N, C-alpha and C. Protein backbone atom coordinates (compact mmCIF):
# COMPACT_ATOMS: atom_id res chain seq x y z
N UNK A 1 112.08 70.97 96.10
CA UNK A 1 112.78 72.18 96.46
C UNK A 1 111.79 73.35 96.42
N UNK A 2 111.67 74.07 97.51
CA UNK A 2 110.77 75.23 97.56
C UNK A 2 111.47 76.44 96.98
N UNK A 3 110.69 77.48 96.69
CA UNK A 3 111.24 78.72 96.15
C UNK A 3 112.28 79.31 97.09
N UNK A 4 112.10 79.14 98.38
CA UNK A 4 113.04 79.67 99.37
C UNK A 4 114.39 78.96 99.29
N UNK A 5 114.41 77.74 98.75
CA UNK A 5 115.65 76.97 98.65
C UNK A 5 116.46 77.32 97.40
N UNK A 6 115.88 78.05 96.46
CA UNK A 6 116.58 78.41 95.23
C UNK A 6 117.53 79.57 95.55
N UNK A 7 118.82 79.38 95.27
CA UNK A 7 119.76 80.48 95.52
C UNK A 7 119.37 81.72 94.71
N UNK A 8 119.57 82.87 95.30
CA UNK A 8 119.14 84.13 94.68
C UNK A 8 119.78 84.33 93.31
N UNK A 9 121.02 83.88 93.12
CA UNK A 9 121.71 84.06 91.85
C UNK A 9 121.21 83.13 90.76
N UNK A 10 120.31 82.21 91.11
CA UNK A 10 119.71 81.32 90.12
C UNK A 10 118.27 81.69 89.79
N UNK A 11 117.70 82.64 90.52
CA UNK A 11 116.32 83.04 90.28
C UNK A 11 116.22 83.90 89.03
N UNK A 12 115.13 83.73 88.28
CA UNK A 12 114.90 84.54 87.08
C UNK A 12 114.46 85.94 87.47
N UNK A 13 113.54 86.05 88.42
CA UNK A 13 113.10 87.36 88.90
C UNK A 13 113.35 87.47 90.40
N UNK A 14 113.57 88.71 90.81
CA UNK A 14 113.82 89.00 92.22
C UNK A 14 112.80 90.03 92.69
N UNK A 15 112.40 89.92 93.94
CA UNK A 15 111.59 90.97 94.53
C UNK A 15 112.49 92.19 94.74
N UNK A 16 111.87 93.33 95.01
CA UNK A 16 112.66 94.53 95.32
C UNK A 16 113.61 94.25 96.49
N UNK A 17 113.12 93.55 97.49
CA UNK A 17 113.92 93.26 98.67
C UNK A 17 115.12 92.38 98.31
N UNK A 18 114.87 91.31 97.52
CA UNK A 18 115.96 90.42 97.11
C UNK A 18 116.96 91.16 96.23
N UNK A 19 116.46 91.94 95.28
CA UNK A 19 117.34 92.68 94.36
C UNK A 19 118.19 93.69 95.12
N UNK A 20 117.61 94.31 96.14
CA UNK A 20 118.34 95.28 96.94
C UNK A 20 119.56 94.62 97.61
N UNK A 21 119.35 93.45 98.15
CA UNK A 21 120.45 92.72 98.80
C UNK A 21 121.46 92.22 97.77
N UNK A 22 120.96 91.68 96.66
CA UNK A 22 121.82 91.09 95.63
C UNK A 22 122.70 92.14 94.95
N UNK A 23 122.09 93.27 94.57
CA UNK A 23 122.82 94.31 93.84
C UNK A 23 123.41 95.39 94.76
N UNK A 24 123.08 95.32 96.05
CA UNK A 24 123.54 96.31 97.03
C UNK A 24 123.11 97.72 96.64
N UNK A 25 121.84 97.81 96.27
CA UNK A 25 121.20 99.08 95.94
C UNK A 25 120.00 99.20 96.88
N UNK A 26 119.77 100.36 97.41
CA UNK A 26 118.67 100.55 98.34
C UNK A 26 117.30 100.21 97.74
N UNK A 27 116.42 99.69 98.57
CA UNK A 27 115.08 99.34 98.12
C UNK A 27 114.35 100.55 97.54
N UNK A 28 114.45 101.70 98.19
CA UNK A 28 113.78 102.90 97.69
C UNK A 28 114.31 103.31 96.33
N UNK A 29 115.63 103.19 96.13
CA UNK A 29 116.25 103.53 94.85
C UNK A 29 115.75 102.58 93.76
N UNK A 30 115.71 101.30 94.04
CA UNK A 30 115.23 100.32 93.06
C UNK A 30 113.76 100.57 92.72
N UNK A 31 112.97 100.81 93.74
CA UNK A 31 111.54 101.07 93.51
C UNK A 31 111.35 102.32 92.65
N UNK A 32 112.13 103.37 92.94
CA UNK A 32 112.05 104.61 92.16
C UNK A 32 112.47 104.36 90.71
N UNK A 33 113.56 103.64 90.49
CA UNK A 33 114.01 103.32 89.14
C UNK A 33 112.93 102.55 88.37
N UNK A 34 112.31 101.60 89.03
CA UNK A 34 111.26 100.80 88.39
C UNK A 34 110.03 101.65 88.07
N UNK A 35 109.64 102.50 89.00
CA UNK A 35 108.46 103.34 88.79
C UNK A 35 108.70 104.38 87.70
N UNK A 36 109.94 104.86 87.57
CA UNK A 36 110.27 105.86 86.55
C UNK A 36 110.47 105.23 85.17
N UNK A 37 110.64 103.92 85.11
CA UNK A 37 110.90 103.20 83.86
C UNK A 37 109.97 101.99 83.73
N UNK A 38 108.66 102.21 83.73
CA UNK A 38 107.70 101.09 83.76
C UNK A 38 107.77 100.15 82.56
N UNK A 39 108.32 100.61 81.45
CA UNK A 39 108.39 99.75 80.26
C UNK A 39 109.79 99.18 80.04
N UNK A 40 110.67 99.35 81.03
CA UNK A 40 112.03 98.83 80.91
C UNK A 40 112.00 97.30 80.81
N UNK A 41 112.93 96.76 80.06
CA UNK A 41 112.99 95.31 79.85
C UNK A 41 113.39 94.51 81.07
N UNK A 42 113.81 95.18 82.13
CA UNK A 42 114.25 94.46 83.33
C UNK A 42 113.18 94.42 84.42
N UNK A 43 111.99 94.93 84.10
CA UNK A 43 110.89 94.96 85.07
C UNK A 43 109.80 93.99 84.65
N UNK A 44 109.24 93.30 85.63
CA UNK A 44 108.11 92.41 85.43
C UNK A 44 107.12 92.71 86.54
N UNK A 45 105.89 93.00 86.18
CA UNK A 45 104.87 93.26 87.20
C UNK A 45 104.05 92.01 87.45
N UNK A 46 103.99 91.61 88.69
CA UNK A 46 103.19 90.48 89.12
C UNK A 46 102.05 91.08 89.94
N UNK A 47 100.95 91.39 89.24
CA UNK A 47 99.89 92.18 89.87
C UNK A 47 100.44 93.57 90.07
N UNK A 48 100.48 94.03 91.30
CA UNK A 48 101.06 95.34 91.57
C UNK A 48 102.46 95.23 92.19
N UNK A 49 102.96 94.01 92.25
CA UNK A 49 104.32 93.80 92.81
C UNK A 49 105.36 93.87 91.71
N UNK A 50 106.39 94.66 91.94
CA UNK A 50 107.48 94.81 90.99
C UNK A 50 108.47 93.66 91.17
N UNK A 51 108.80 93.01 90.08
CA UNK A 51 109.83 91.99 90.06
C UNK A 51 110.95 92.48 89.16
N UNK A 52 112.18 92.21 89.52
CA UNK A 52 113.34 92.61 88.74
C UNK A 52 113.85 91.37 88.01
N UNK A 53 113.95 91.45 86.69
CA UNK A 53 114.53 90.35 85.90
C UNK A 53 116.04 90.43 86.11
N UNK A 54 116.54 89.49 86.87
CA UNK A 54 117.93 89.54 87.35
C UNK A 54 118.96 89.69 86.24
N UNK A 55 118.95 88.82 85.25
CA UNK A 55 119.98 88.86 84.21
C UNK A 55 119.89 90.14 83.38
N UNK A 56 118.67 90.58 83.06
CA UNK A 56 118.52 91.80 82.28
C UNK A 56 119.03 93.01 83.07
N UNK A 57 118.72 93.05 84.37
CA UNK A 57 119.18 94.16 85.19
C UNK A 57 120.70 94.12 85.36
N UNK A 58 121.28 92.92 85.45
CA UNK A 58 122.74 92.80 85.53
C UNK A 58 123.39 93.43 84.30
N UNK A 59 122.81 93.23 83.13
CA UNK A 59 123.36 93.81 81.89
C UNK A 59 123.32 95.34 81.96
N UNK A 60 122.23 95.90 82.49
CA UNK A 60 122.11 97.36 82.63
C UNK A 60 123.18 97.85 83.61
N UNK A 61 123.29 97.19 84.75
CA UNK A 61 124.25 97.60 85.79
C UNK A 61 125.68 97.57 85.23
N UNK A 62 125.99 96.59 84.39
CA UNK A 62 127.34 96.46 83.83
C UNK A 62 127.73 97.66 82.97
N UNK A 63 126.76 98.39 82.45
CA UNK A 63 127.05 99.54 81.57
C UNK A 63 127.16 100.85 82.34
N UNK A 64 126.85 100.85 83.63
CA UNK A 64 126.80 102.09 84.41
C UNK A 64 128.05 102.32 85.25
N UNK A 65 128.38 103.58 85.45
CA UNK A 65 129.45 103.96 86.37
C UNK A 65 128.90 104.35 87.74
N UNK A 66 127.64 104.80 87.75
CA UNK A 66 126.98 105.21 88.99
C UNK A 66 125.49 104.99 88.83
N UNK A 67 124.81 104.85 89.94
CA UNK A 67 123.35 104.68 89.90
C UNK A 67 122.71 105.51 90.98
């Protein structure tokens, strides 16, 4: 099974593009949130690429009324 075959809801980390589609938040908004919170527990840097830790970000989203 290739990485492309793994359903997005089963992935540990998501690219900004994948997270944008999954969480229905704009790519620019996600990128800005990540850049403003570089030490947040839901961010993983792979070189200079931002990865979103899906489950950790879901927990943050669950506590918010707006983003």
